[in-house]
Each structure stands twice: as structure tokens, then as C-alpha cells.
C-alpha atoms as a PDB file:
ATOM      1  CA  MET A   1     182.755-110.300  38.455  1.00  0.00           C
ATOM      2  CA  SER A   2     184.301-108.330  41.291  1.00  0.00           C
ATOM      3  CA  PHE A   3     182.151-106.032  43.390  1.00  0.00           C
ATOM      4  CA  SER A   4     185.148-104.651  45.329  1.00  0.00           C
ATOM      5  CA  SER A   5     184.668-101.175  43.870  1.00  0.00           C
ATOM      6  CA  LYS A   6     180.863-101.157  44.197  1.00  0.00           C
ATOM      7  CA  PHE A   7     178.680 -99.550  46.856  1.00  0.00           C
ATOM      8  CA  ALA A   8     175.467-101.333  47.873  1.00  0.00           C
ATOM      9  CA  MET A   9     172.427-100.338  49.877  1.00  0.00           C
ATOM     10  CA  VAL A  10     170.066-102.645  51.794  1.00  0.00           C
ATOM     11  CA  VAL A  11     166.635-101.262  52.636  1.00  0.00           C
ATOM     12  CA  GLU A  12     164.788-103.478  55.117  1.00  0.00           C
ATOM     13  CA  ASP A  13     162.599-102.699  58.107  1.00  0.00           C
ATOM     14  CA  ASP A  14     163.218-106.012  59.908  1.00  0.00           C
ATOM     15  CA  PRO A  15     166.508-105.524  61.795  1.00  0.00           C
ATOM     16  CA  CYS A  16     167.452-109.219  61.739  1.00  0.00           C
ATOM     17  CA  PHE A  17     166.841-109.663  58.005  1.00  0.00           C
ATOM     18  CA  ARG A  18     168.553-106.300  57.333  1.00  0.00           C
ATOM     19  CA  ALA A  19     171.661-107.499  59.152  1.00  0.00           C
ATOM     20  CA  ILE A  20     171.632-110.818  57.275  1.00  0.00           C
ATOM     21  CA  ALA A  21     171.236-109.132  53.877  1.00  0.00           C
ATOM     22  CA  GLU A  22     173.997-106.667  54.762  1.00  0.00           C
ATOM     23  CA  LEU A  23     176.310-109.530  55.719  1.00  0.00           C
ATOM     24  CA  MET A  24     175.477-111.395  52.489  1.00  0.00           C
ATOM     25  CA  LEU A  25     176.450-108.391  50.388  1.00  0.00           C
ATOM     26  CA  GLN A  26     179.605-107.843  52.446  1.00  0.00           C
ATOM     27  CA  ARG A  27     180.478-111.491  51.810  1.00  0.00           C
ATOM     28  CA  MET A  28     180.299-110.683  48.080  1.00  0.00           C
ATOM     29  CA  ASN A  29     183.065-108.142  48.708  1.00  0.00           C
ATOM     30  CA  PHE A  30     181.184-104.958  47.997  1.00  0.00           C
ATOM     31  CA  LYS A  31     183.394-102.012  48.898  1.00  0.00           C
ATOM     32  CA  SER A  32     180.715-100.642  51.194  1.00  0.00           C
ATOM     33  CA  VAL A  33     177.238-101.729  52.261  1.00  0.00           C
ATOM     34  CA  VAL A  34     174.873 -99.219  53.809  1.00  0.00           C
ATOM     35  CA  ALA A  35     171.712-100.399  55.550  1.00  0.00           C
ATOM     36  CA  GLU A  36     168.597 -98.313  55.935  1.00  0.00           C
ATOM     37  CA  GLU A  37     165.340 -99.259  57.660  1.00  0.00           C
ATOM     38  CA  ASP A  38     162.802 -97.685  55.269  1.00  0.00           C
ATOM     39  CA  GLY A  39     162.383 -96.074  51.895  1.00  0.00           C
ATOM     40  CA  GLU A  40     162.428 -92.507  53.195  1.00  0.00           C
ATOM     41  CA  GLN A  41     165.789 -92.970  54.908  1.00  0.00           C
ATOM     42  CA  ALA A  42     167.138 -94.703  51.818  1.00  0.00           C
ATOM     43  CA  TRP A  43     165.916 -91.930  49.546  1.00  0.00           C
ATOM     44  CA  ALA A  44     167.573 -89.288  51.727  1.00  0.00           C
ATOM     45  CA  HIS A  45     170.843 -91.264  51.622  1.00  0.00           C
ATOM     46  CA  LEU A  46     170.630 -91.738  47.846  1.00  0.00           C
ATOM     47  CA  ASN A  47     170.564 -87.987  47.387  1.00  0.00           C
ATOM     48  CA  PHE A  48     174.045 -87.461  48.842  1.00  0.00           C
ATOM     49  CA  MET A  49     175.974 -90.709  48.251  1.00  0.00           C
ATOM     50  CA  ARG A  50     176.569 -92.768  45.114  1.00  0.00           C
ATOM     51  CA  PHE A  51     175.389 -96.391  45.108  1.00  0.00           C
ATOM     52  CA  ASP A  52     175.854 -99.107  42.505  1.00  0.00           C
ATOM     53  CA  PHE A  53     173.217-101.591  43.748  1.00  0.00           C
ATOM     54  CA  ILE A  54     170.036-101.460  45.823  1.00  0.00           C
ATOM     55  CA  LEU A  55     168.390-104.410  47.568  1.00  0.00           C
ATOM     56  CA  SER A  56     165.058-103.327  49.016  1.00  0.00           C
ATOM     57  CA  ASP A  57     162.230-104.911  50.918  1.00  0.00           C
ATOM     58  CA  TRP A  58     158.811-104.277  49.432  1.00  0.00           C
ATOM     59  CA  ASN A  59     156.607-103.848  52.526  1.00  0.00           C
ATOM     60  CA  MET A  60     157.831-100.980  54.673  1.00  0.00           C
ATOM     61  CA  ALA A  61     156.421 -97.744  56.046  1.00  0.00           C
ATOM     62  CA  PRO A  62     156.331 -94.824  55.567  1.00  0.00           C
ATOM     63  CA  MET A  63     157.776 -95.368  52.045  1.00  0.00           C
ATOM     64  CA  ASP A  64     157.650 -98.894  50.642  1.00  0.00           C
ATOM     65  CA  GLY A  65     160.134-100.488  48.250  1.00  0.00           C
ATOM     66  CA  VAL A  66     158.050 -99.932  45.121  1.00  0.00           C
ATOM     67  CA  ASP A  67     157.675 -96.200  45.880  1.00  0.00           C
ATOM     68  CA  LEU A  68     161.437 -96.017  46.459  1.00  0.00           C
ATOM     69  CA  LEU A  69     161.998 -97.859  43.182  1.00  0.00           C
ATOM     70  CA  ARG A  70     159.769 -95.394  41.316  1.00  0.00           C
ATOM     71  CA  CYS A  71     161.692 -92.450  42.813  1.00  0.00           C
ATOM     72  CA  VAL A  72     164.993 -94.004  41.760  1.00  0.00           C
ATOM     73  CA  ARG A  73     163.780 -94.742  38.220  1.00  0.00           C
ATOM     74  CA  ALA A  74     162.380 -91.182  37.857  1.00  0.00           C
ATOM     75  CA  ASN A  75     165.732 -89.598  38.784  1.00  0.00           C
ATOM     76  CA  ARG A  76     168.059 -89.474  35.786  1.00  0.00           C
ATOM     77  CA  ASN A  77     171.170 -89.644  37.980  1.00  0.00           C
ATOM     78  CA  LEU A  78     169.950 -92.826  39.701  1.00  0.00           C
ATOM     79  CA  SER A  79     167.760 -94.509  37.106  1.00  0.00           C
ATOM     80  CA  LYS A  80     170.305 -97.091  35.946  1.00  0.00           C
ATOM     81  CA  ILE A  81     171.163 -98.459  39.398  1.00  0.00           C
ATOM     82  CA  PRO A  82     170.328-102.163  39.572  1.00  0.00           C
ATOM     83  CA  PHE A  83     167.401-102.414  41.993  1.00  0.00           C
ATOM     84  CA  VAL A  84     166.202-105.744  43.380  1.00  0.00           C
ATOM     85  CA  LEU A  85     162.955-105.928  45.313  1.00  0.00           C
ATOM     86  CA  MET A  86     162.498-108.647  47.902  1.00  0.00           C
ATOM     87  CA  SER A  87     159.322-109.860  49.516  1.00  0.00           C
ATOM     88  CA  ALA A  88     157.738-112.929  51.056  1.00  0.00           C
ATOM     89  CA  ASP A  89     154.736-112.390  48.770  1.00  0.00           C
ATOM     90  CA  LEU A  90     154.936-114.653  45.717  1.00  0.00           C
ATOM     91  CA  SER A  91     151.704-113.533  44.047  1.00  0.00           C
ATOM     92  CA  LEU A  92     151.533-112.925  40.304  1.00  0.00           C
ATOM     93  CA  ASN A  93     150.276-109.368  40.942  1.00  0.00           C
ATOM     94  CA  SER A  94     153.348-108.612  43.061  1.00  0.00           C
ATOM     95  CA  TRP A  95     155.702-110.030  40.450  1.00  0.00           C
ATOM     96  CA  ARG A  96     154.085-107.955  37.694  1.00  0.00           C
ATOM     97  CA  LYS A  97     153.990-104.791  39.809  1.00  0.00           C
ATOM     98  CA  ALA A  98     157.724-105.118  40.549  1.00  0.00           C
ATOM     99  CA  ILE A  99     158.622-105.614  36.895  1.00  0.00           C
ATOM    100  CA  ASP A 100     156.297-102.831  35.704  1.00  0.00           C
ATOM    101  CA  ALA A 101     157.844-100.420  38.227  1.00  0.00           C
ATOM    102  CA  GLY A 102     161.293-101.123  36.734  1.00  0.00           C
ATOM    103  CA  ALA A 103     162.767-103.672  39.140  1.00  0.00           C
ATOM    104  CA  THR A 104     165.942-105.300  37.891  1.00  0.00           C
ATOM    105  CA  ASP A 105     164.832-108.482  39.583  1.00  0.00           C
ATOM    106  CA  PHE A 106     162.600-109.842  42.359  1.00  0.00           C
ATOM    107  CA  LEU A 107     163.703-112.149  45.166  1.00  0.00           C
ATOM    108  CA  VAL A 108     161.290-114.120  47.301  1.00  0.00           C
ATOM    109  CA  LYS A 109     162.237-114.160  51.011  1.00  0.00           C
ATOM    110  CA  PRO A 110     163.806-116.103  52.482  1.00  0.00           C
ATOM    111  CA  PHE A 111     166.574-116.615  49.967  1.00  0.00           C
ATOM    112  CA  SER A 112     170.046-118.105  50.144  1.00  0.00           C
ATOM    113  CA  TRP A 113     173.383-116.388  49.699  1.00  0.00           C
ATOM    114  CA  GLU A 114     173.786-118.258  46.412  1.00  0.00           C
ATOM    115  CA  GLN A 115     170.440-116.957  45.109  1.00  0.00           C
ATOM    116  CA  LEU A 116     171.333-113.380  46.052  1.00  0.00           C
ATOM    117  CA  HIS A 117     174.800-113.718  44.580  1.00  0.00           C
ATOM    118  CA  GLU A 118     173.413-114.979  41.266  1.00  0.00           C
ATOM    119  CA  THR A 119     170.823-112.178  41.200  1.00  0.00           C
ATOM    120  CA  VAL A 120     173.501-109.546  41.833  1.00  0.00           C
ATOM    121  CA  ARG A 121     175.867-111.034  39.268  1.00  0.00           C
ATOM    122  CA  ILE A 122     173.144-111.043  36.604  1.00  0.00           C
ATOM    123  CA  ALA A 123     172.024-107.537  37.523  1.00  0.00           C
ATOM    124  CA  PHE A 124     175.526-106.232  36.763  1.00  0.00           C
ATOM    125  CA  SER A 125     176.123-108.303  33.662  1.00  0.00           C
ATOM    126  CA  THR A 126     172.896-107.968  31.678  1.00  0.00           C
ATOM    127  CA  PRO A 127     172.778-104.716  29.769  1.00  0.00           C
ATOM    128  CA  CYS A 128     169.717-103.498  27.862  1.00  0.00           C
ATOM    129  CA  ALA A 129     169.591-101.114  24.938  1.00  0.00           C
ATOM    130  CA  ASP A 130     167.605 -98.473  26.807  1.00  0.00           C
ATOM    131  CA  GLN A 131     168.942 -98.841  30.392  1.00  0.00           C
ATOM    132  CA  SER A 132     172.346-100.422  30.775  1.00  0.00           C
ATOM    133  CA  ASN A 133     171.803-102.275  34.038  1.00  0.00           C
ATOM    134  CA  ILE A 134     168.076-102.974  33.957  1.00  0.00           C
ATOM    135  CA  ILE A 135     166.930-106.355  32.697  1.00  0.00           C
ATOM    136  CA  ASN A 136     164.143-105.817  30.223  1.00  0.00           C
ATOM    137  CA  PHE A 137     161.715-108.451  31.458  1.00  0.00           C
ATOM    138  CA  ARG A 138     158.804-107.287  29.283  1.00  0.00           C
ATOM    139  CA  SER A 139     160.592-108.217  26.067  1.00  0.00           C
ATOM    140  CA  ARG A 140     162.323-111.320  27.420  1.00  0.00           C
ATOM    141  CA  ARG A 141     159.893-112.970  29.820  1.00  0.00           C
ATOM    142  CA  ASP A 142     158.589-115.298  27.075  1.00  0.00           C
ATOM    143  CA  ASN A 143     162.119-116.637  26.516  1.00  0.00           C
ATOM    144  CA  PRO A 144     162.798-119.341  29.125  1.00  0.00           C
ATOM    145  CA  MET A 145     166.462-119.387  28.157  1.00  0.00           C
ATOM    146  CA  PHE A 146     167.090-115.759  29.135  1.00  0.00           C
ATOM    147  CA  GLY A 147     169.347-115.399  32.191  1.00  0.00           C
ATOM    148  CA  ARG A 148     167.987-117.270  35.155  1.00  0.00           C
ATOM    149  CA  PHE A 149     164.436-116.613  34.066  1.00  0.00           C
ATOM    150  CA  ARG A 150     161.778-117.571  36.548  1.00  0.00           C
ATOM    151  CA  PRO A 151     158.194-117.716  35.325  1.00  0.00           C
ATOM    152  CA  PRO A 152     155.606-115.753  37.239  1.00  0.00           C
ATOM    153  CA  PRO A 153     154.216-117.545  40.308  1.00  0.00           C
ATOM    154  CA  ASP A 154     151.130-118.863  38.489  1.00  0.00           C
ATOM    155  CA  GLY A 155     153.454-120.780  36.112  1.00  0.00           C
ATOM    156  CA  THR A 156     152.345-118.954  32.966  1.00  0.00           C
ATOM    157  CA  LEU A 157     154.759-117.431  30.520  1.00  0.00           C
ATOM    158  CA  ARG A 158     152.382-114.897  29.063  1.00  0.00           C
ATOM    159  CA  GLY A 159     151.384-111.595  30.676  1.00  0.00           C
END
């Protein structure tokens, strides 16, 4: 899949990791990659520019990634944008909170270019009946053959 016509946003408060994530997405040939340092700045930018993909850190202030995700999902013009949350926290509660908030996927930091590329590719190629670009984890998390399914951190398949 080509991303050459797609616009991406990276939301990350750590300037080094923000630059790395931005470069990774540029290496995937996104037409444009915009980087913001927190959820409030990202939300302001989302209200005047169209984006096709959002990669957001979880832990930021004043608006964290989950709050940004909820704002995006609540806005009918933005609700179908693939939104990947990233965090160094691998807890089961974090994984469930991300999925329940409507995350397309969840990446544990640090991650490789290959892991991000696969996540982005799947985010754009896995339509659901109710939201075309959002992977419906709730109905598919018991199926280990779905996509590149990763079980929750505690290793269980049931939630």
C-alpha cells in the first residue's frame, strides 16, 4: 500500500522520540507528516487540516493521548481516522483502556520501523462494518489468527 497521498500526525512530548517517529513515517512515504508536542496542540491542528493517520503518545500534558483519541472519535468528521496509541506501559489495564477508547492499535515503546510500518499497513487495510478504518478488537480479540493479533500483556485471550 502506498501512503504517498496520505497525511500523518505524530503527537509526542519527548522531542527526540517525536523526531524519530516523524522520520519513520516520512520513510514510509507519507505525503506530509506533522509533529505536535501534546494533545491540545494536535487537537487545534486537527480542526483546520485533514489527516489520514494519527500516531500519539499516551502520557502527555495538558491533554494526554487517550483524551485526544476520545475527542477524535467523538467528532464525526474525524472519527474514522486510524489512531495508534503508543506507550512504554505494557499493563493489561492500559491495553484495555486504549482499545475501549477506540484505538486502532497500540504500540509499546520503543518499537522498530518494521513494527510501525506493519501497524500502519494494517490500520489502513482492515475495514470494519461500523467504522471503515478502525479494527474492531472487541469482536476479534479471541481470534489469534486475526491480523497481527497480540494478546493482552497478561497473556490471556479473554477480557
